[in-house]
Amino acid sequence: MQVFEVVELEKFPYMMTKEIHEGEIISDVIKENKVYLIVDHNMNRIWTYNGYQSSFKLQIYGNKLAQMLKQQLKLKYNIFPLNKFSKKDDSFQEIMEKQLGGGGALAIGKKDFIEFDGGFKVKANIKIFPVMRVKQSLEYINKIPPPENFIRKFMIVGGDIYTEEEITESFVTEKKEIKNPLKLGRLNRGFTFFENYSARLIISDRKMQGIELYIHEKDKPNTKLLEVSIPIFAEEKFIKNGRIDALINAFQMPEELPKED
């Protein structure tokens, strides 16, 4: 396994990589304010890892450098985002515990770039399509674990903004709730400014799937006094169509009731 750190430069080409040799396993060299390219020669993969405190500019550079590293390796390696796994996920832990070693990948420096008149020309690889498969995009977004210590408040997919709605499926023997995306409406023409939110862009196959808006958990209002142990029906539920199956499941009696002493 080879590990390359993405480095920002003040002048052209504004980016480069440097290989990290000190450390026994991958987790020894990872810092959360940096971006890394991890080359797995056994699986022919280039893992991109954006530290949770890394800058957006550094992450963009990392994506470009990963494409260049793939070309250097004769297109035999595929690029995978390591950030799609939670830190507690077995796949993430397996990669973090792998040994550092040598390999055929070389660090990308200034010699690997061509400077054009007027600056450095970069082709855009990210596309935004006006017609989206919203359901598939929402499913893909929900598979990616949220950043640590952050709470998702809204999602923007295809010009529509969503939040999460908690639905109680059962509460007779055990309280069981699920979260479904709830469409709030379309964004206004012009621009919308979301103050005090942290934004996360979700990309798949070079296409933007959506934008998530997060707040830090320390900014979450204290709602402990408002919690109840049985489901309640909000007033607005009665003025729009609902799911009858959710209502039936909530009142469904189990085949066996717990025995009391």
Protein backbone atom coordinates (compact mmCIF):
# COMPACT_ATOMS: atom_id res chain seq x y z
CA MET A 1 0.00 0.00 0.00
CA GLN A 2 1.29 3.41 -0.99
CA VAL A 3 -0.02 6.62 0.56
CA PHE A 4 0.24 10.03 -1.14
CA GLU A 5 -0.65 13.29 0.57
CA VAL A 6 -2.29 16.01 -1.54
CA VAL A 7 -0.32 19.24 -1.20
CA GLU A 8 -1.54 22.73 -2.14
CA LEU A 9 0.94 25.08 -3.83
CA GLU A 10 0.84 28.88 -4.06
CA LYS A 11 1.86 28.93 -7.75
CA PHE A 12 1.25 26.78 -10.82
CA PRO A 13 0.35 23.92 -10.89
CA TYR A 14 -1.20 24.73 -7.47
CA MET A 15 -1.21 21.05 -6.47
CA MET A 16 1.08 18.04 -6.13
CA THR A 17 1.42 14.82 -4.16
CA LYS A 18 4.14 13.57 -1.88
CA GLU A 19 4.55 9.95 -0.87
CA ILE A 20 4.53 9.15 2.85
CA HIS A 21 7.04 6.54 4.01
CA GLU A 22 7.08 7.00 7.79
CA GLY A 23 4.63 4.75 9.62
CA GLU A 24 3.79 1.07 9.81
CA ILE A 25 0.08 1.05 8.92
CA ILE A 26 -2.21 3.48 7.08
CA SER A 27 -3.85 4.86 10.23
CA ASP A 28 -0.43 5.99 11.53
CA VAL A 29 -0.16 8.69 8.85
CA ILE A 30 -3.77 9.88 8.41
CA LYS A 31 -4.58 13.42 9.63
CA GLU A 32 -8.12 14.79 9.46
CA ASN A 33 -7.12 18.18 8.03
CA LYS A 34 -5.50 16.63 4.95
CA VAL A 35 -6.46 14.71 1.78
CA TYR A 36 -4.83 11.42 0.76
CA LEU A 37 -4.61 9.03 -2.18
CA ILE A 38 -4.13 5.43 -1.06
CA VAL A 39 -2.95 2.99 -3.73
CA ASP A 40 -3.84 -0.67 -3.16
CA HIS A 41 -1.74 -2.72 -5.57
CA ASN A 42 -3.36 -6.00 -4.57
CA MET A 43 -6.88 -4.84 -5.50
CA ASN A 44 -5.82 -2.37 -8.23
CA ARG A 45 -7.62 0.48 -6.48
CA ILE A 46 -6.92 4.13 -5.73
CA TRP A 47 -8.75 5.12 -2.54
CA THR A 48 -9.38 8.84 -2.04
CA TYR A 49 -9.73 10.00 1.55
CA ASN A 50 -10.83 13.51 2.50
CA GLY A 51 -10.16 14.27 6.14
CA TYR A 52 -13.24 15.63 7.90
CA GLN A 53 -11.40 18.91 8.57
CA SER A 54 -9.83 19.24 5.10
CA SER A 55 -10.64 22.24 2.90
CA PHE A 56 -12.98 22.00 -0.07
CA LYS A 57 -10.22 23.25 -2.40
CA LEU A 58 -7.90 20.47 -1.24
CA GLN A 59 -10.62 17.90 -1.91
CA ILE A 60 -11.06 19.21 -5.47
CA TYR A 61 -7.30 18.94 -6.01
CA GLY A 62 -7.39 15.39 -4.66
CA ASN A 63 -10.01 14.37 -7.23
CA LYS A 64 -7.91 15.80 -10.09
CA LEU A 65 -4.70 14.17 -8.82
CA ALA A 66 -6.46 10.81 -8.44
CA GLN A 67 -7.41 10.97 -12.14
CA MET A 68 -3.80 11.76 -13.05
CA LEU A 69 -2.54 8.92 -10.87
CA LYS A 70 -4.92 6.55 -12.64
CA GLN A 71 -3.52 7.63 -16.02
CA GLN A 72 0.01 7.14 -14.71
CA LEU A 73 -0.90 3.56 -13.79
CA LYS A 74 -2.10 2.87 -17.36
CA LEU A 75 -5.80 3.04 -16.40
CA LYS A 76 -5.54 -0.40 -14.74
CA TYR A 77 -6.62 1.01 -11.37
CA ASN A 78 -10.12 2.20 -10.43
CA ILE A 79 -10.85 5.12 -8.10
CA PHE A 80 -13.03 4.60 -5.02
CA PRO A 81 -14.02 7.12 -2.30
CA LEU A 82 -13.04 5.88 1.15
CA ASN A 83 -15.34 8.49 2.70
CA LYS A 84 -18.40 6.46 1.70
CA PHE A 85 -17.63 4.21 4.68
CA SER A 86 -18.14 5.11 8.32
CA LYS A 87 -15.00 5.05 10.44
CA LYS A 88 -16.55 2.18 12.37
CA ASP A 89 -17.23 0.19 9.20
CA ASP A 90 -15.24 -3.04 8.82
CA SER A 91 -14.13 -2.09 5.29
CA PHE A 92 -12.73 1.23 6.55
CA GLN A 93 -10.93 -0.41 9.46
CA GLU A 94 -9.47 -3.09 7.18
CA ILE A 95 -7.86 -0.47 4.95
CA MET A 96 -6.60 1.60 7.89
CA GLU A 97 -4.82 -1.47 9.31
CA LYS A 98 -2.97 -2.38 6.10
CA GLN A 99 0.80 -2.10 6.00
CA LEU A 100 2.64 0.72 4.25
CA GLY A 101 4.93 -0.47 1.51
CA GLY A 102 6.48 0.22 -1.85
CA GLY A 103 4.93 0.09 -5.29
CA GLY A 104 5.02 1.35 -8.84
CA ALA A 105 3.06 4.57 -8.31
CA LEU A 106 5.07 7.79 -8.44
CA ALA A 107 4.39 11.14 -6.79
CA ILE A 108 2.83 13.75 -9.10
CA GLY A 109 4.86 16.95 -9.39
CA LYS A 110 5.13 20.07 -11.55
CA LYS A 111 6.68 18.12 -14.41
CA ASP A 112 3.41 16.23 -14.85
CA PHE A 113 1.44 19.40 -15.68
CA ILE A 114 1.34 21.57 -18.80
CA GLU A 115 0.92 25.31 -18.36
CA PHE A 116 -1.18 27.07 -20.99
CA ASP A 117 -1.25 30.78 -21.87
CA GLY A 118 -3.48 32.45 -19.33
CA GLY A 119 -3.29 29.68 -16.76
CA PHE A 120 -3.88 25.97 -16.25
CA LYS A 121 -6.74 24.40 -18.16
CA VAL A 122 -8.76 21.78 -16.30
CA LYS A 123 -11.63 19.79 -17.75
CA ALA A 124 -14.69 19.59 -15.52
CA ASN A 125 -15.62 16.02 -14.64
CA ILE A 126 -18.69 16.80 -12.53
CA LYS A 127 -22.01 17.16 -14.33
CA ILE A 128 -25.38 18.30 -13.07
CA PHE A 129 -28.35 16.95 -15.03
CA PRO A 130 -31.71 18.78 -15.00
CA VAL A 131 -33.56 15.45 -15.19
CA MET A 132 -32.61 13.27 -12.25
CA ARG A 133 -33.68 9.96 -10.84
CA VAL A 134 -34.60 11.47 -7.50
CA LYS A 135 -35.48 8.19 -5.76
CA GLN A 136 -32.15 6.58 -6.68
CA SER A 137 -30.28 9.73 -5.64
CA LEU A 138 -31.97 9.80 -2.22
CA GLU A 139 -31.18 6.12 -1.69
CA TYR A 140 -27.53 6.67 -2.60
CA ILE A 141 -27.24 9.70 -0.31
CA ASN A 142 -28.73 7.81 2.65
CA LYS A 143 -26.14 5.02 2.26
CA ILE A 144 -23.28 7.41 3.02
CA PRO A 145 -22.67 7.84 6.77
CA PRO A 146 -22.98 11.39 8.14
CA PRO A 147 -19.91 13.27 9.40
CA GLU A 148 -19.13 12.69 13.04
CA ASN A 149 -20.79 15.10 15.49
CA PHE A 150 -23.06 16.58 12.79
CA ILE A 151 -26.83 16.31 12.29
CA ARG A 152 -28.44 16.45 8.86
CA LYS A 153 -31.28 18.95 8.63
CA PHE A 154 -32.02 19.21 4.88
CA MET A 155 -31.23 17.57 1.53
CA ILE A 156 -31.37 19.26 -1.89
CA VAL A 157 -31.96 16.92 -4.83
CA GLY A 158 -32.90 18.06 -8.32
CA GLY A 159 -34.01 21.51 -7.18
CA ASP A 160 -36.28 20.12 -4.42
CA ILE A 161 -35.49 20.41 -0.72
CA TYR A 162 -36.18 17.55 1.69
CA THR A 163 -36.04 16.97 5.41
CA GLU A 164 -36.48 13.76 7.42
CA GLU A 165 -39.85 12.62 8.78
CA GLU A 166 -40.01 10.13 11.63
CA ILE A 167 -42.81 7.56 11.32
CA THR A 168 -43.77 5.24 14.16
CA GLU A 169 -44.35 1.72 12.86
CA SER A 170 -45.04 0.05 16.19
CA PHE A 171 -45.20 0.98 19.88
CA VAL A 172 -47.17 -1.81 21.61
CA THR A 173 -44.26 -3.95 22.79
CA GLU A 174 -41.33 -1.91 21.54
CA LYS A 175 -41.10 1.56 20.08
CA LYS A 176 -39.94 1.36 16.47
CA GLU A 177 -39.45 4.37 14.24
CA ILE A 178 -38.20 4.84 10.69
CA LYS A 179 -37.03 7.99 8.90
CA ASN A 180 -38.32 8.84 5.45
CA PRO A 181 -37.41 11.83 3.26
CA LEU A 182 -40.15 14.48 3.38
CA LYS A 183 -40.35 16.87 0.44
CA LEU A 184 -40.79 20.46 1.59
CA GLY A 185 -40.99 22.09 -1.84
CA ARG A 186 -38.87 23.53 -4.63
CA LEU A 187 -36.14 26.12 -4.21
CA ASN A 188 -36.89 29.67 -5.32
CA ARG A 189 -35.57 31.15 -8.54
CA GLY A 190 -32.42 33.17 -8.12
CA PHE A 191 -30.39 32.10 -5.11
CA THR A 192 -31.01 30.74 -1.62
CA PHE A 193 -28.57 31.52 1.21
CA PHE A 194 -28.36 28.91 3.98
CA GLU A 195 -26.77 30.60 6.98
CA ASN A 196 -25.02 28.61 9.72
CA TYR A 197 -25.18 25.32 7.80
CA SER A 198 -22.32 23.06 6.71
CA ALA A 199 -22.85 21.75 3.17
CA ARG A 200 -21.77 18.34 1.86
CA LEU A 201 -21.87 17.56 -1.88
CA ILE A 202 -22.63 13.96 -2.88
CA ILE A 203 -21.07 12.82 -6.18
CA SER A 204 -21.53 9.49 -7.96
CA ASP A 205 -20.20 8.56 -11.42
CA ARG A 206 -19.10 12.20 -11.90
CA LYS A 207 -22.67 13.38 -11.41
CA MET A 208 -23.91 15.48 -8.53
CA GLN A 209 -26.59 13.53 -6.66
CA GLY A 210 -27.47 16.18 -4.12
CA ILE A 211 -26.41 18.56 -1.36
CA GLU A 212 -26.81 17.90 2.37
CA LEU A 213 -27.05 20.68 4.95
CA TYR A 214 -25.74 19.88 8.44
CA ILE A 215 -25.55 21.56 11.83
CA HIS A 216 -23.13 20.63 14.59
CA GLU A 217 -24.66 18.56 17.36
CA LYS A 218 -23.74 21.22 19.92
CA ASP A 219 -26.14 23.55 18.09
CA LYS A 220 -29.03 21.07 18.36
CA PRO A 221 -31.86 22.49 20.51
CA ASN A 222 -32.67 20.68 23.71
CA THR A 223 -35.87 18.76 22.99
CA LYS A 224 -35.63 16.27 25.83
CA LEU A 225 -38.54 17.89 27.67
CA LEU A 226 -40.73 17.49 24.59
CA GLU A 227 -40.19 13.75 24.14
CA VAL A 228 -43.14 11.41 24.66
CA SER A 229 -43.18 7.64 24.99
CA ILE A 230 -46.24 7.11 22.75
CA PRO A 231 -46.86 8.30 19.17
CA ILE A 232 -48.76 11.52 18.61
CA PHE A 233 -50.56 12.84 15.55
CA ALA A 234 -49.54 16.31 14.48
CA GLU A 235 -52.45 18.55 13.52
CA GLU A 236 -51.20 19.08 9.99
CA LYS A 237 -51.43 15.33 9.36
CA PHE A 238 -55.21 15.58 9.18
CA ILE A 239 -55.25 18.11 6.33
CA LYS A 240 -53.30 16.01 3.82
CA ASN A 241 -53.29 12.44 2.58
CA GLY A 242 -51.35 9.95 4.65
CA ARG A 243 -50.29 6.31 4.47
CA ILE A 244 -52.99 4.00 5.80
CA ASP A 245 -50.52 1.09 6.02
CA ALA A 246 -48.36 3.08 8.46
CA LEU A 247 -51.41 3.71 10.65
CA ILE A 248 -52.44 0.03 10.59
CA ASN A 249 -48.91 -1.14 11.43
CA ALA A 250 -48.74 1.25 14.37
CA PHE A 251 -51.83 -0.34 15.98
CA GLN A 252 -51.12 -3.93 14.99
CA MET A 253 -51.30 -6.25 18.00
CA PRO A 254 -48.51 -8.84 18.35
CA GLU A 255 -49.38 -12.53 18.39
CA GLU A 256 -48.01 -12.90 21.92
CA LEU A 257 -48.06 -10.29 24.65
CA PRO A 258 -45.31 -10.15 27.26
CA LYS A 259 -46.19 -11.91 30.52
CA GLU A 260 -46.35 -9.85 33.66
CA ASP A 261 -45.23 -11.19 37.04
